[in-house]
């Protein structure tokens, strides 16, 4: 669906993609909700061990040697 203000001046104004824009906003909202639910699930799962904050550098990056399984605390990946 395209929106413009009448016939006069329509050629001088940009066409507004109203339908596509609304659909994109709804999609972004659904994706944000899914991300929030996933983060909440990860944070609320009992028995998991978080990586200590001193393993992160100044930029927030984590060395691959400091990554471990949150359940069994094993540093080996398979």
N, C-alpha and C. Protein backbone atom coordinates (compact mmCIF):
# COMPACT_ATOMS: atom_id res chain seq x y z
N UNK A 1 0.85 -1.17 0.00
CA UNK A 1 0.00 0.00 0.00
C UNK A 1 0.90 1.23 0.00
N UNK A 2 0.60 2.12 -0.88
CA UNK A 2 1.38 3.34 -0.99
C UNK A 2 0.52 4.52 -0.56
N UNK A 3 1.14 5.45 0.16
CA UNK A 3 0.40 6.61 0.61
C UNK A 3 1.02 7.89 0.09
N UNK A 4 0.17 8.77 -0.43
CA UNK A 4 0.62 10.08 -0.88
C UNK A 4 -0.51 11.06 -0.59
N UNK A 5 -0.21 12.33 -0.57
CA UNK A 5 -1.20 13.34 -0.26
C UNK A 5 -1.88 13.83 -1.54
N UNK A 6 -2.82 13.08 -2.07
CA UNK A 6 -3.59 13.51 -3.24
C UNK A 6 -2.76 13.51 -4.50
N UNK A 7 -3.39 13.99 -5.57
CA UNK A 7 -2.73 14.02 -6.86
C UNK A 7 -1.75 15.17 -6.97
N UNK A 8 -2.08 16.28 -6.38
CA UNK A 8 -1.22 17.46 -6.52
C UNK A 8 0.00 17.30 -5.61
N UNK A 9 1.13 17.52 -6.17
CA UNK A 9 2.35 17.44 -5.39
C UNK A 9 2.85 16.02 -5.17
N UNK A 10 2.13 15.04 -5.65
CA UNK A 10 2.53 13.65 -5.44
C UNK A 10 3.83 13.33 -6.16
N UNK A 11 4.05 13.97 -7.28
CA UNK A 11 5.27 13.69 -8.02
C UNK A 11 6.49 14.33 -7.36
N UNK A 12 6.25 15.35 -6.54
CA UNK A 12 7.37 16.02 -5.87
C UNK A 12 7.72 15.36 -4.53
N UNK A 13 6.80 14.59 -3.96
CA UNK A 13 7.03 13.97 -2.66
C UNK A 13 7.42 12.51 -2.84
N UNK A 14 8.12 12.02 -1.87
CA UNK A 14 8.49 10.62 -1.90
C UNK A 14 7.26 9.77 -1.58
N UNK A 15 7.17 8.62 -2.21
CA UNK A 15 6.08 7.69 -1.93
C UNK A 15 6.36 7.02 -0.60
N UNK A 16 5.34 6.93 0.24
CA UNK A 16 5.49 6.31 1.55
C UNK A 16 4.97 4.87 1.47
N UNK A 17 5.82 3.93 1.80
CA UNK A 17 5.45 2.52 1.78
C UNK A 17 4.80 2.16 3.11
N UNK A 18 3.56 2.59 3.29
CA UNK A 18 2.91 2.47 4.60
C UNK A 18 2.69 1.03 5.00
N UNK A 19 2.23 0.19 4.10
CA UNK A 19 1.98 -1.21 4.44
C UNK A 19 3.25 -1.96 4.79
N UNK A 20 4.27 -1.76 3.98
CA UNK A 20 5.54 -2.44 4.23
C UNK A 20 6.18 -1.97 5.51
N UNK A 21 6.07 -0.68 5.79
CA UNK A 21 6.64 -0.12 7.01
C UNK A 21 5.94 -0.67 8.25
N UNK A 22 4.63 -0.74 8.22
CA UNK A 22 3.87 -1.30 9.36
C UNK A 22 4.20 -2.77 9.55
N UNK A 23 4.31 -3.51 8.46
CA UNK A 23 4.64 -4.94 8.57
C UNK A 23 6.05 -5.12 9.15
N UNK A 24 6.97 -4.26 8.76
CA UNK A 24 8.33 -4.34 9.29
C UNK A 24 8.37 -4.03 10.78
N UNK A 25 7.60 -3.02 11.22
CA UNK A 25 7.54 -2.70 12.65
C UNK A 25 6.98 -3.88 13.45
N UNK A 26 5.95 -4.54 12.92
CA UNK A 26 5.37 -5.70 13.61
C UNK A 26 6.37 -6.85 13.68
N UNK A 27 7.10 -7.06 12.59
CA UNK A 27 8.10 -8.13 12.57
C UNK A 27 9.22 -7.85 13.57
N UNK A 28 9.67 -6.62 13.62
CA UNK A 28 10.71 -6.24 14.59
C UNK A 28 10.21 -6.45 16.01
N UNK A 29 8.97 -6.08 16.27
CA UNK A 29 8.39 -6.28 17.61
C UNK A 29 8.34 -7.75 17.99
N UNK A 30 7.94 -8.61 17.04
CA UNK A 30 7.89 -10.06 17.33
C UNK A 30 9.29 -10.59 17.59
N UNK A 31 10.27 -10.15 16.80
CA UNK A 31 11.64 -10.62 16.99
C UNK A 31 12.21 -10.17 18.33
N UNK A 32 11.93 -8.92 18.73
CA UNK A 32 12.38 -8.43 20.03
C UNK A 32 11.79 -9.27 21.15
N UNK A 33 10.51 -9.61 21.04
CA UNK A 33 9.85 -10.42 22.06
C UNK A 33 10.49 -11.80 22.15
N UNK A 34 10.79 -12.42 21.01
CA UNK A 34 11.42 -13.74 21.01
C UNK A 34 12.81 -13.68 21.65
N UNK A 35 13.57 -12.64 21.34
CA UNK A 35 14.91 -12.49 21.93
C UNK A 35 14.81 -12.31 23.44
N UNK A 36 13.87 -11.48 23.89
CA UNK A 36 13.70 -11.25 25.33
C UNK A 36 13.30 -12.54 26.04
N UNK A 37 12.41 -13.34 25.43
CA UNK A 37 12.00 -14.60 26.04
C UNK A 37 13.17 -15.58 26.10
N UNK A 38 14.00 -15.61 25.06
CA UNK A 38 15.15 -16.51 25.05
C UNK A 38 16.17 -16.11 26.11
N UNK A 39 16.44 -14.83 26.24
CA UNK A 39 17.38 -14.35 27.26
C UNK A 39 16.84 -14.66 28.65
N UNK A 40 15.55 -14.43 28.86
CA UNK A 40 14.94 -14.72 30.16
C UNK A 40 15.05 -16.21 30.49
N UNK A 41 14.82 -17.07 29.50
CA UNK A 41 14.93 -18.51 29.70
C UNK A 41 16.36 -18.89 30.08
N UNK A 42 17.33 -18.30 29.41
CA UNK A 42 18.74 -18.60 29.72
C UNK A 42 19.11 -18.13 31.12
N UNK A 43 18.60 -16.97 31.52
CA UNK A 43 18.94 -16.42 32.83
C UNK A 43 18.24 -17.16 33.96
N UNK A 44 17.06 -17.72 33.72
CA UNK A 44 16.29 -18.34 34.78
C UNK A 44 16.54 -19.84 34.93
N UNK A 45 17.33 -20.44 34.02
CA UNK A 45 17.58 -21.86 34.10
C UNK A 45 18.46 -22.16 35.31
N UNK A 46 17.98 -22.99 36.24
CA UNK A 46 18.76 -23.26 37.46
C UNK A 46 19.92 -24.21 37.19
N UNK A 47 20.96 -24.09 38.00
CA UNK A 47 22.08 -25.01 37.95
C UNK A 47 23.14 -24.68 36.93
N UNK A 48 23.00 -23.58 36.22
CA UNK A 48 24.00 -23.22 35.23
C UNK A 48 25.01 -22.25 35.83
N UNK A 49 26.26 -22.38 35.41
CA UNK A 49 27.32 -21.53 35.92
C UNK A 49 27.67 -20.47 34.87
N UNK A 50 27.70 -19.24 35.29
CA UNK A 50 28.06 -18.15 34.38
C UNK A 50 29.57 -18.04 34.27
N UNK A 51 30.04 -17.51 33.15
CA UNK A 51 31.46 -17.26 32.96
C UNK A 51 31.82 -16.06 33.82
N UNK A 52 32.85 -16.16 34.66
CA UNK A 52 33.22 -15.04 35.54
C UNK A 52 33.57 -13.79 34.74
N UNK A 53 33.26 -12.65 35.28
CA UNK A 53 33.48 -11.39 34.58
C UNK A 53 34.95 -11.08 34.37
N UNK A 54 35.84 -11.65 35.17
CA UNK A 54 37.26 -11.36 34.99
C UNK A 54 37.85 -12.08 33.77
N UNK A 55 37.09 -12.98 33.13
CA UNK A 55 37.55 -13.64 31.91
C UNK A 55 37.34 -12.76 30.67
N UNK A 56 36.55 -11.70 30.79
CA UNK A 56 36.27 -10.80 29.67
C UNK A 56 37.31 -9.69 29.62
N UNK A 57 37.65 -9.26 28.40
CA UNK A 57 38.59 -8.14 28.28
C UNK A 57 37.83 -6.81 28.29
N UNK A 58 38.54 -5.71 28.01
CA UNK A 58 37.95 -4.37 28.10
C UNK A 58 36.80 -4.17 27.12
N UNK A 59 36.87 -4.82 25.96
CA UNK A 59 35.83 -4.67 24.95
C UNK A 59 34.66 -5.63 25.16
N UNK A 60 34.76 -6.50 26.15
CA UNK A 60 33.70 -7.46 26.41
C UNK A 60 33.87 -8.76 25.65
N UNK A 61 35.03 -8.92 24.99
CA UNK A 61 35.29 -10.16 24.25
C UNK A 61 35.78 -11.24 25.21
N UNK A 62 35.60 -12.46 24.80
CA UNK A 62 35.95 -13.61 25.63
C UNK A 62 36.90 -14.50 24.85
N UNK A 63 38.02 -14.88 25.44
CA UNK A 63 38.96 -15.78 24.80
C UNK A 63 38.35 -17.17 24.71
N UNK A 64 38.60 -17.87 23.63
CA UNK A 64 37.98 -19.18 23.45
C UNK A 64 38.44 -20.20 24.51
N UNK A 65 39.58 -19.97 25.13
CA UNK A 65 40.05 -20.87 26.18
C UNK A 65 39.23 -20.75 27.46
N UNK A 66 38.49 -19.66 27.62
CA UNK A 66 37.70 -19.42 28.83
C UNK A 66 36.24 -19.84 28.70
N UNK A 67 35.87 -20.42 27.56
CA UNK A 67 34.49 -20.85 27.34
C UNK A 67 34.35 -22.28 27.84
N UNK A 68 33.32 -22.53 28.64
CA UNK A 68 33.10 -23.87 29.17
C UNK A 68 31.60 -24.18 29.18
N UNK A 69 31.29 -25.44 29.34
CA UNK A 69 29.90 -25.89 29.42
C UNK A 69 29.31 -25.43 30.75
N UNK A 70 28.16 -24.80 30.70
CA UNK A 70 27.54 -24.27 31.91
C UNK A 70 26.96 -25.38 32.78
N UNK A 71 26.72 -26.54 32.21
CA UNK A 71 26.13 -27.65 32.97
C UNK A 71 27.20 -28.50 33.63
N UNK A 72 28.15 -29.01 32.83
CA UNK A 72 29.17 -29.91 33.37
C UNK A 72 30.49 -29.22 33.69
N UNK A 73 30.62 -27.95 33.31
CA UNK A 73 31.81 -27.13 33.56
C UNK A 73 33.06 -27.69 32.90
N UNK A 74 32.89 -28.38 31.78
CA UNK A 74 33.99 -28.95 31.03
C UNK A 74 34.46 -27.95 29.97
N UNK A 75 35.77 -27.79 29.84
CA UNK A 75 36.33 -26.84 28.88
C UNK A 75 36.52 -27.48 27.50
N UNK A 76 36.30 -28.77 27.36
CA UNK A 76 36.46 -29.46 26.09
C UNK A 76 35.18 -29.35 25.27
N UNK A 77 35.33 -29.08 23.99
CA UNK A 77 34.16 -29.03 23.10
C UNK A 77 34.17 -30.28 22.23
N UNK A 78 33.01 -30.81 22.00
CA UNK A 78 32.91 -32.00 21.17
C UNK A 78 31.93 -31.81 20.06
